[in-house]
N, C-alpha and C. Protein backbone atom coordinates (compact mmCIF):
# COMPACT_ATOMS: atom_id res chain seq x y z
N MET A 1 42.12 -6.29 51.89
CA MET A 1 42.07 -6.37 50.46
C MET A 1 40.30 -7.53 50.26
N THR A 2 39.52 -8.12 51.28
CA THR A 2 39.16 -8.85 51.11
C THR A 2 37.73 -7.93 50.57
N PRO A 3 37.64 -6.14 50.98
CA PRO A 3 36.81 -5.64 49.92
C PRO A 3 37.08 -5.44 49.00
N CYS A 4 38.11 -5.90 48.20
CA CYS A 4 38.63 -5.22 47.04
C CYS A 4 38.79 -6.77 45.96
N LEU A 5 38.19 -7.65 46.92
CA LEU A 5 38.32 -9.23 46.38
C LEU A 5 36.27 -9.26 46.26
N THR A 6 35.49 -8.92 46.93
CA THR A 6 34.25 -9.06 46.89
C THR A 6 33.65 -7.66 45.42
N ARG A 7 34.66 -6.39 45.04
CA ARG A 7 33.85 -5.94 44.01
C ARG A 7 34.85 -6.10 42.88
N ALA A 8 35.77 -7.69 42.85
CA ALA A 8 36.35 -7.87 41.14
C ALA A 8 35.10 -8.33 40.56
N GLU A 9 36.09 -7.56 39.77
CA GLU A 9 35.52 -7.88 38.08
C GLU A 9 35.33 -9.16 37.42
N THR A 10 34.35 -10.65 37.32
CA THR A 10 35.05 -11.50 36.69
C THR A 10 34.90 -11.92 35.54
N THR A 11 35.24 -12.77 35.27
CA THR A 11 34.64 -12.98 33.29
C THR A 11 35.39 -14.11 33.20
N ARG A 12 35.08 -15.23 32.11
CA ARG A 12 35.65 -16.97 31.69
C ARG A 12 36.60 -16.09 30.63
N ASP A 13 37.85 -17.43 30.99
CA ASP A 13 38.71 -17.15 29.44
C ASP A 13 38.29 -17.74 28.58
N PRO A 14 38.63 -18.08 27.54
CA PRO A 14 38.52 -18.81 26.57
C PRO A 14 38.40 -19.95 26.92
N VAL A 15 39.04 -21.16 27.97
CA VAL A 15 38.83 -21.87 27.95
C VAL A 15 38.08 -22.17 28.98
N GLY A 16 37.58 -21.27 29.35
CA GLY A 16 35.78 -21.67 30.26
C GLY A 16 35.89 -21.61 31.83
N PHE A 17 37.92 -20.87 32.56
CA PHE A 17 37.82 -20.90 33.82
C PHE A 17 37.30 -19.57 33.97
N THR A 18 36.88 -19.35 35.01
CA THR A 18 37.05 -17.94 36.00
C THR A 18 37.73 -17.09 35.98
N VAL A 19 38.23 -15.81 36.10
CA VAL A 19 38.88 -15.11 35.92
C VAL A 19 38.82 -13.63 36.84
N ARG A 20 39.37 -13.31 38.00
CA ARG A 20 38.52 -12.37 38.22
C ARG A 20 39.84 -11.74 38.39
N TYR A 21 39.30 -9.69 38.57
CA TYR A 21 40.43 -9.39 38.94
C TYR A 21 39.67 -7.74 39.51
N ALA A 22 41.04 -7.12 40.21
CA ALA A 22 40.62 -6.36 40.86
C ALA A 22 39.83 -5.23 40.20
N ALA A 23 39.27 -4.39 40.97
CA ALA A 23 38.53 -2.78 39.83
C ALA A 23 39.60 -2.05 39.76
N LEU A 24 39.62 -1.02 38.60
CA LEU A 24 40.76 -0.20 38.26
C LEU A 24 40.99 0.89 40.13
N ASP A 25 39.96 1.81 40.22
CA ASP A 25 39.98 2.55 41.78
C ASP A 25 40.81 1.11 42.29
N ASP A 26 40.49 0.43 42.87
CA ASP A 26 41.19 -0.57 44.43
C ASP A 26 41.98 -1.32 43.79
N LEU A 27 42.69 -1.15 42.31
CA LEU A 27 44.06 -1.59 42.32
C LEU A 27 45.27 0.10 42.38
N ILE A 28 43.48 0.84 41.93
CA ILE A 28 44.72 2.14 42.84
C ILE A 28 45.34 2.24 43.43
N ARG A 29 43.91 2.19 44.57
CA ARG A 29 44.04 1.64 46.06
C ARG A 29 45.28 1.11 46.61
N MET A 30 45.23 0.09 46.00
CA MET A 30 46.47 -0.64 46.35
C MET A 30 47.81 -0.23 45.99
N ARG A 31 48.35 -0.04 45.08
CA ARG A 31 49.36 0.67 43.75
C ARG A 31 49.78 2.12 45.44
N ARG A 32 48.99 2.25 45.21
CA ARG A 32 49.17 3.97 46.52
C ARG A 32 49.51 3.02 47.70
N ALA A 33 48.40 2.16 48.03
CA ALA A 33 49.10 1.79 49.91
C ALA A 33 50.32 1.58 50.06
N LEU A 34 51.02 0.98 49.36
CA LEU A 34 52.08 -0.16 49.26
C LEU A 34 53.24 1.13 49.12
N GLY A 35 53.04 2.45 48.56
CA GLY A 35 53.82 3.34 48.45
C GLY A 35 55.37 3.00 48.03
N ARG A 36 55.34 2.26 47.31
CA ARG A 36 57.18 2.59 46.60
C ARG A 36 56.52 3.03 45.71
N PRO A 37 58.16 3.76 45.15
CA PRO A 37 58.16 4.88 44.23
C PRO A 37 58.07 3.98 42.66
N LYS A 38 58.20 2.82 42.38
CA LYS A 38 56.76 2.27 41.31
C LYS A 38 55.99 2.11 40.96
N ASP A 39 55.14 1.41 42.56
CA ASP A 39 53.63 1.65 42.59
C ASP A 39 53.22 2.69 42.60
N LEU A 40 53.51 4.05 43.63
CA LEU A 40 53.18 4.87 43.15
C LEU A 40 52.87 6.09 41.08
N ARG A 41 53.97 5.25 41.16
CA ARG A 41 53.97 5.69 39.16
C ARG A 41 53.02 5.19 38.49
N ARG A 42 52.99 3.05 38.63
CA ARG A 42 52.12 2.67 37.94
C ARG A 42 50.60 3.39 38.92
N ALA A 43 50.46 4.00 39.49
CA ALA A 43 49.27 3.98 40.39
C ALA A 43 48.60 5.48 39.49
N ASP A 44 49.42 6.54 39.70
CA ASP A 44 49.03 7.63 38.43
C ASP A 44 49.05 6.96 37.01
N GLU A 45 49.78 6.56 36.04
CA GLU A 45 49.40 5.79 35.19
C GLU A 45 48.07 5.12 35.19
N LEU A 46 47.47 3.92 35.96
CA LEU A 46 46.30 3.59 36.22
C LEU A 46 45.48 4.80 36.24
N ALA A 47 45.82 5.56 37.06
CA ALA A 47 44.64 7.04 37.15
C ALA A 47 43.67 7.79 35.76
N ARG A 48 44.91 7.77 35.15
CA ARG A 48 44.47 7.96 33.87
C ARG A 48 43.77 7.65 32.60
N LEU A 49 43.84 6.55 33.46
CA LEU A 49 42.51 5.59 32.27
C LEU A 49 41.04 5.34 32.81
N ARG A 50 41.40 6.42 33.43
CA ARG A 50 40.15 6.41 34.46
C ARG A 50 39.18 7.55 32.91
N PRO A 51 37.87 6.78 32.52
CA PRO A 51 36.66 7.70 32.00
C PRO A 51 36.67 8.79 32.63
């Protein structure tokens, strides 16, 4: 998980709090690593979002 956190995107919400979120490729990789049917379906859905 640590490599995913170092590549995390960072933004600020309207109140000014820092929000970090996993990059799309890392999120897909994490979903596939879980291997549950619902995570595999979601990984496929997320993969279709790639430009």
